[in-house]
Amino acid sequence: MARRSNHYEWALERELLRREVPLVPVRETRMASAVGRTFKNFDFVVYRPGSVHLLLEVKGRKVARAGTVNCWVTKEDLANLDGWREAFGAGFEPVFAFVFALPSDEGAHFVVDDVAYEAWLVTLHDMQALSHERSPSWGTMTLGAADFKRVALPLLDEVSAAPAQTVR
């Protein structure tokens, strides 16, 4: 396992490895150049035999108040993943993995070290098409709760057929 600077990335990586999902962690500390530009690295390449592979950017979030979804990204995140889309080309889909730490195990997609999580996948395309500005000063974009519910897919269902299990 790669050294991860936040528990959301670390927990998701542990769960993906437990499910034997083929993946390659990407070093976060480096910038990479491709197609004549420099980009911030994403977090994982997830291989899905017989399907489009995923370029996964993890966004760890706390659960928002009822009726809202805390699913913001920066404009830079959008530009970086779009650059990777261009660099990798057909056969790879850039996506955001919104990983939420939950207050209890109820409704959790997975549990690692007694912390419950949900993990949702939103494609770069959907973020570009549906997001609106959240904060001009911070350069952030977000999806409304209704749009998130419509386009977000349970990440673990998209990458694995293994049943959920608690890792302690």
C-alpha atoms as a PDB file:
ATOM      1  CA  MET A   1       0.000   0.000   0.000  1.00  0.00           C
ATOM      2  CA  ALA A   2       1.140   3.507  -0.752  1.00  0.00           C
ATOM      3  CA  ARG A   3       1.616   6.029   2.014  1.00  0.00           C
ATOM      4  CA  ARG A   4      -1.526   8.085   2.105  1.00  0.00           C
ATOM      5  CA  SER A   5      -1.783  11.490   3.732  1.00  0.00           C
ATOM      6  CA  ASN A   6      -5.460  11.260   4.609  1.00  0.00           C
ATOM      7  CA  HIS A   7      -7.638   8.554   6.071  1.00  0.00           C
ATOM      8  CA  TYR A   8     -10.204   8.681   3.250  1.00  0.00           C
ATOM      9  CA  GLU A   9      -7.665   7.634   0.607  1.00  0.00           C
ATOM     10  CA  TRP A  10      -6.085   5.116   2.954  1.00  0.00           C
ATOM     11  CA  ALA A  11      -9.414   3.504   3.898  1.00  0.00           C
ATOM     12  CA  LEU A  12     -10.585   3.314   0.284  1.00  0.00           C
ATOM     13  CA  GLU A  13      -7.296   1.771  -0.793  1.00  0.00           C
ATOM     14  CA  ARG A  14      -7.547  -0.843   1.974  1.00  0.00           C
ATOM     15  CA  GLU A  15     -11.088  -1.732   0.937  1.00  0.00           C
ATOM     16  CA  LEU A  16     -10.210  -1.973  -2.762  1.00  0.00           C
ATOM     17  CA  LEU A  17      -7.245  -4.216  -1.970  1.00  0.00           C
ATOM     18  CA  ARG A  18      -9.405  -6.361   0.308  1.00  0.00           C
ATOM     19  CA  ARG A  19     -11.806  -6.835  -2.594  1.00  0.00           C
ATOM     20  CA  GLU A  20      -8.848  -7.683  -4.843  1.00  0.00           C
ATOM     21  CA  VAL A  21      -9.623  -4.804  -7.197  1.00  0.00           C
ATOM     22  CA  PRO A  22      -6.644  -4.357  -9.553  1.00  0.00           C
ATOM     23  CA  LEU A  23      -5.268  -0.877  -8.935  1.00  0.00           C
ATOM     24  CA  VAL A  24      -2.125   1.203  -9.099  1.00  0.00           C
ATOM     25  CA  PRO A  25      -1.619   3.938  -6.493  1.00  0.00           C
ATOM     26  CA  VAL A  26      -0.200   7.134  -7.973  1.00  0.00           C
ATOM     27  CA  ARG A  27       2.432   9.135  -6.108  1.00  0.00           C
ATOM     28  CA  GLU A  28       0.802  12.285  -4.846  1.00  0.00           C
ATOM     29  CA  THR A  29       3.986  14.227  -4.253  1.00  0.00           C
ATOM     30  CA  ARG A  30       4.865  14.590  -7.916  1.00  0.00           C
ATOM     31  CA  MET A  31       3.480  16.634 -10.746  1.00  0.00           C
ATOM     32  CA  ALA A  32       3.394  14.879 -14.073  1.00  0.00           C
ATOM     33  CA  SER A  33       3.676  16.151 -17.606  1.00  0.00           C
ATOM     34  CA  ALA A  34       1.619  14.861 -20.487  1.00  0.00           C
ATOM     35  CA  VAL A  35       0.263  16.274 -23.733  1.00  0.00           C
ATOM     36  CA  GLY A  36       2.488  19.331 -23.298  1.00  0.00           C
ATOM     37  CA  ARG A  37       1.028  20.313 -19.903  1.00  0.00           C
ATOM     38  CA  THR A  38       1.758  19.681 -16.228  1.00  0.00           C
ATOM     39  CA  PHE A  39      -0.920  18.161 -13.999  1.00  0.00           C
ATOM     40  CA  LYS A  40      -1.453  17.307 -10.356  1.00  0.00           C
ATOM     41  CA  ASN A  41      -1.546  13.539 -10.046  1.00  0.00           C
ATOM     42  CA  PHE A  42      -4.776  11.721  -9.329  1.00  0.00           C
ATOM     43  CA  ASP A  43      -4.875   8.957  -6.670  1.00  0.00           C
ATOM     44  CA  PHE A  44      -5.400   5.571  -8.367  1.00  0.00           C
ATOM     45  CA  VAL A  45      -5.689   3.817 -11.686  1.00  0.00           C
ATOM     46  CA  VAL A  46      -8.363   1.161 -11.184  1.00  0.00           C
ATOM     47  CA  TYR A  47      -8.346  -1.603 -13.777  1.00  0.00           C
ATOM     48  CA  ARG A  48     -11.663  -3.167 -14.738  1.00  0.00           C
ATOM     49  CA  PRO A  49     -11.125  -6.103 -17.096  1.00  0.00           C
ATOM     50  CA  GLY A  50     -13.608  -5.963 -19.949  1.00  0.00           C
ATOM     51  CA  SER A  51     -14.611  -2.395 -19.105  1.00  0.00           C
ATOM     52  CA  VAL A  52     -13.297   1.151 -19.139  1.00  0.00           C
ATOM     53  CA  HIS A  53     -10.531   1.665 -16.557  1.00  0.00           C
ATOM     54  CA  LEU A  54     -10.859   4.454 -13.986  1.00  0.00           C
ATOM     55  CA  LEU A  55      -8.553   7.371 -13.200  1.00  0.00           C
ATOM     56  CA  LEU A  56      -9.695   7.919  -9.631  1.00  0.00           C
ATOM     57  CA  GLU A  57      -9.380  11.210  -7.738  1.00  0.00           C
ATOM     58  CA  VAL A  58     -10.419  10.715  -4.107  1.00  0.00           C
ATOM     59  CA  LYS A  59     -12.257  13.510  -2.323  1.00  0.00           C
ATOM     60  CA  GLY A  60     -12.740  12.775   1.363  1.00  0.00           C
ATOM     61  CA  ARG A  61     -15.599  14.611   3.004  1.00  0.00           C
ATOM     62  CA  LYS A  62     -17.553  14.687   6.227  1.00  0.00           C
ATOM     63  CA  VAL A  63     -21.281  14.106   5.971  1.00  0.00           C
ATOM     64  CA  ALA A  64     -23.086  17.403   5.431  1.00  0.00           C
ATOM     65  CA  ARG A  65     -26.250  18.495   7.195  1.00  0.00           C
ATOM     66  CA  ALA A  66     -29.493  16.825   6.149  1.00  0.00           C
ATOM     67  CA  GLY A  67     -30.613  17.663   2.613  1.00  0.00           C
ATOM     68  CA  THR A  68     -27.183  18.704   1.347  1.00  0.00           C
ATOM     69  CA  VAL A  69     -24.256  16.832  -0.145  1.00  0.00           C
ATOM     70  CA  ASN A  70     -20.674  17.915   0.463  1.00  0.00           C
ATOM     71  CA  CYS A  71     -19.336  17.111  -3.030  1.00  0.00           C
ATOM     72  CA  TRP A  72     -17.222  20.059  -4.067  1.00  0.00           C
ATOM     73  CA  VAL A  73     -14.068  20.067  -6.186  1.00  0.00           C
ATOM     74  CA  THR A  74     -11.773  22.842  -7.333  1.00  0.00           C
ATOM     75  CA  LYS A  75     -11.668  24.184 -10.858  1.00  0.00           C
ATOM     76  CA  GLU A  76      -8.049  22.992 -10.840  1.00  0.00           C
ATOM     77  CA  ASP A  77      -9.249  19.436 -10.037  1.00  0.00           C
ATOM     78  CA  LEU A  78     -11.528  19.575 -13.082  1.00  0.00           C
ATOM     79  CA  ALA A  79      -8.729  20.871 -15.319  1.00  0.00           C
ATOM     80  CA  ASN A  80      -6.228  18.285 -14.042  1.00  0.00           C
ATOM     81  CA  LEU A  81      -8.549  15.319 -14.585  1.00  0.00           C
ATOM     82  CA  ASP A  82      -9.504  16.664 -18.005  1.00  0.00           C
ATOM     83  CA  GLY A  83      -5.811  16.771 -18.904  1.00  0.00           C
ATOM     84  CA  TRP A  84      -5.401  13.164 -17.765  1.00  0.00           C
ATOM     85  CA  ARG A  85      -8.447  12.198 -19.844  1.00  0.00           C
ATOM     86  CA  GLU A  86      -6.706  13.628 -22.878  1.00  0.00           C
ATOM     87  CA  ALA A  87      -3.372  11.991 -22.000  1.00  0.00           C
ATOM     88  CA  PHE A  88      -4.761   8.496 -21.357  1.00  0.00           C
ATOM     89  CA  GLY A  89      -7.326   8.568 -24.159  1.00  0.00           C
ATOM     90  CA  ALA A  90     -10.003   6.005 -24.932  1.00  0.00           C
ATOM     91  CA  GLY A  91     -10.358   3.159 -22.486  1.00  0.00           C
ATOM     92  CA  PHE A  92      -9.867   5.326 -19.377  1.00  0.00           C
ATOM     93  CA  GLU A  93     -12.547   7.334 -17.565  1.00  0.00           C
ATOM     94  CA  PRO A  94     -11.552  10.093 -15.105  1.00  0.00           C
ATOM     95  CA  VAL A  95     -13.811  10.044 -12.054  1.00  0.00           C
ATOM     96  CA  PHE A  96     -14.153  11.576  -8.624  1.00  0.00           C
ATOM     97  CA  ALA A  97     -14.550   9.214  -5.677  1.00  0.00           C
ATOM     98  CA  PHE A  98     -16.437  11.064  -2.963  1.00  0.00           C
ATOM     99  CA  VAL A  99     -15.677   9.179   0.244  1.00  0.00           C
ATOM    100  CA  PHE A 100     -17.776  10.218   3.232  1.00  0.00           C
ATOM    101  CA  ALA A 101     -16.946   9.373   6.858  1.00  0.00           C
ATOM    102  CA  LEU A 102     -20.199   8.432   8.572  1.00  0.00           C
ATOM    103  CA  PRO A 103     -21.217   8.886  12.205  1.00  0.00           C
ATOM    104  CA  SER A 104     -22.267   5.203  12.453  1.00  0.00           C
ATOM    105  CA  ASP A 105     -22.089   1.889  10.560  1.00  0.00           C
ATOM    106  CA  GLU A 106     -25.733   2.234   9.488  1.00  0.00           C
ATOM    107  CA  GLY A 107     -25.877   2.501   5.697  1.00  0.00           C
ATOM    108  CA  ALA A 108     -22.097   2.239   5.355  1.00  0.00           C
ATOM    109  CA  HIS A 109     -20.577   0.902   2.146  1.00  0.00           C
ATOM    110  CA  PHE A 110     -17.545  -0.319   4.119  1.00  0.00           C
ATOM    111  CA  VAL A 111     -15.879  -0.036   7.528  1.00  0.00           C
ATOM    112  CA  VAL A 112     -12.133   0.234   8.144  1.00  0.00           C
ATOM    113  CA  ASP A 113     -10.622   0.452  11.634  1.00  0.00           C
ATOM    114  CA  ASP A 114     -14.028   1.139  13.184  1.00  0.00           C
ATOM    115  CA  VAL A 115     -14.742   4.088  10.868  1.00  0.00           C
ATOM    116  CA  ALA A 116     -17.736   3.749   8.551  1.00  0.00           C
ATOM    117  CA  TYR A 117     -17.612   5.138   5.013  1.00  0.00           C
ATOM    118  CA  GLU A 118     -19.727   5.646   1.919  1.00  0.00           C
ATOM    119  CA  ALA A 119     -17.953   5.875  -1.451  1.00  0.00           C
ATOM    120  CA  TRP A 120     -19.647   7.392  -4.493  1.00  0.00           C
ATOM    121  CA  LEU A 121     -18.350   7.687  -8.043  1.00  0.00           C
ATOM    122  CA  VAL A 122     -19.093  10.779 -10.166  1.00  0.00           C
ATOM    123  CA  THR A 123     -17.622  11.040 -13.645  1.00  0.00           C
ATOM    124  CA  LEU A 124     -15.604  14.043 -14.721  1.00  0.00           C
ATOM    125  CA  HIS A 125     -18.109  14.514 -17.529  1.00  0.00           C
ATOM    126  CA  ASP A 126     -21.010  14.790 -15.062  1.00  0.00           C
ATOM    127  CA  MET A 127     -19.071  17.199 -12.821  1.00  0.00           C
ATOM    128  CA  GLN A 128     -18.241  19.401 -15.806  1.00  0.00           C
ATOM    129  CA  ALA A 129     -21.805  19.346 -17.127  1.00  0.00           C
ATOM    130  CA  LEU A 130     -23.761  19.729 -13.888  1.00  0.00           C
ATOM    131  CA  SER A 131     -21.621  21.540 -11.331  1.00  0.00           C
ATOM    132  CA  HIS A 132     -22.098  25.169 -10.398  1.00  0.00           C
ATOM    133  CA  GLU A 133     -19.830  27.601  -8.617  1.00  0.00           C
ATOM    134  CA  ARG A 134     -19.670  27.121  -4.872  1.00  0.00           C
ATOM    135  CA  SER A 135     -17.052  29.728  -3.952  1.00  0.00           C
ATOM    136  CA  PRO A 136     -15.532  32.166  -6.446  1.00  0.00           C
ATOM    137  CA  SER A 137     -12.733  33.111  -4.034  1.00  0.00           C
ATOM    138  CA  TRP A 138     -11.708  29.463  -3.492  1.00  0.00           C
ATOM    139  CA  GLY A 139     -12.371  28.430  -7.086  1.00  0.00           C
ATOM    140  CA  THR A 140     -14.677  25.593  -6.079  1.00  0.00           C
ATOM    141  CA  MET A 141     -17.514  23.897  -7.927  1.00  0.00           C
ATOM    142  CA  THR A 142     -20.237  21.628  -6.532  1.00  0.00           C
ATOM    143  CA  LEU A 143     -23.190  19.502  -7.529  1.00  0.00           C
ATOM    144  CA  GLY A 144     -26.635  20.144  -6.121  1.00  0.00           C
ATOM    145  CA  ALA A 145     -28.059  17.366  -3.947  1.00  0.00           C
ATOM    146  CA  ALA A 146     -30.591  16.318  -6.610  1.00  0.00           C
ATOM    147  CA  ASP A 147     -27.919  16.109  -9.326  1.00  0.00           C
ATOM    148  CA  PHE A 148     -25.591  14.165  -7.030  1.00  0.00           C
ATOM    149  CA  LYS A 149     -28.330  11.646  -6.216  1.00  0.00           C
ATOM    150  CA  ARG A 150     -29.101  11.262  -9.924  1.00  0.00           C
ATOM    151  CA  VAL A 151     -25.545  10.723 -11.230  1.00  0.00           C
ATOM    152  CA  ALA A 152     -23.515   9.331  -8.306  1.00  0.00           C
ATOM    153  CA  LEU A 153     -22.951   5.571  -8.404  1.00  0.00           C
ATOM    154  CA  PRO A 154     -21.885   3.369  -5.486  1.00  0.00           C
ATOM    155  CA  LEU A 155     -18.161   3.144  -6.197  1.00  0.00           C
ATOM    156  CA  LEU A 156     -17.653  -0.354  -4.837  1.00  0.00           C
ATOM    157  CA  ASP A 157     -20.456  -1.706  -7.054  1.00  0.00           C
ATOM    158  CA  GLU A 158     -18.671  -0.222 -10.066  1.00  0.00           C
ATOM    159  CA  VAL A 159     -15.283  -1.791  -9.325  1.00  0.00           C
ATOM    160  CA  SER A 160     -15.980  -5.035  -7.496  1.00  0.00           C
ATOM    161  CA  ALA A 161     -18.355  -7.936  -7.233  1.00  0.00           C
ATOM    162  CA  ALA A 162     -17.067  -8.956  -3.790  1.00  0.00           C
ATOM    163  CA  PRO A 163     -19.484  -8.567  -0.860  1.00  0.00           C
ATOM    164  CA  ALA A 164     -18.976  -5.832   1.707  1.00  0.00           C
ATOM    165  CA  GLN A 165     -17.063  -6.817   4.830  1.00  0.00           C
ATOM    166  CA  THR A 166     -15.747  -5.046   7.888  1.00  0.00           C
ATOM    167  CA  VAL A 167     -11.957  -4.665   8.054  1.00  0.00           C
ATOM    168  CA  ARG A 168     -10.572  -4.174  11.556  1.00  0.00           C
END
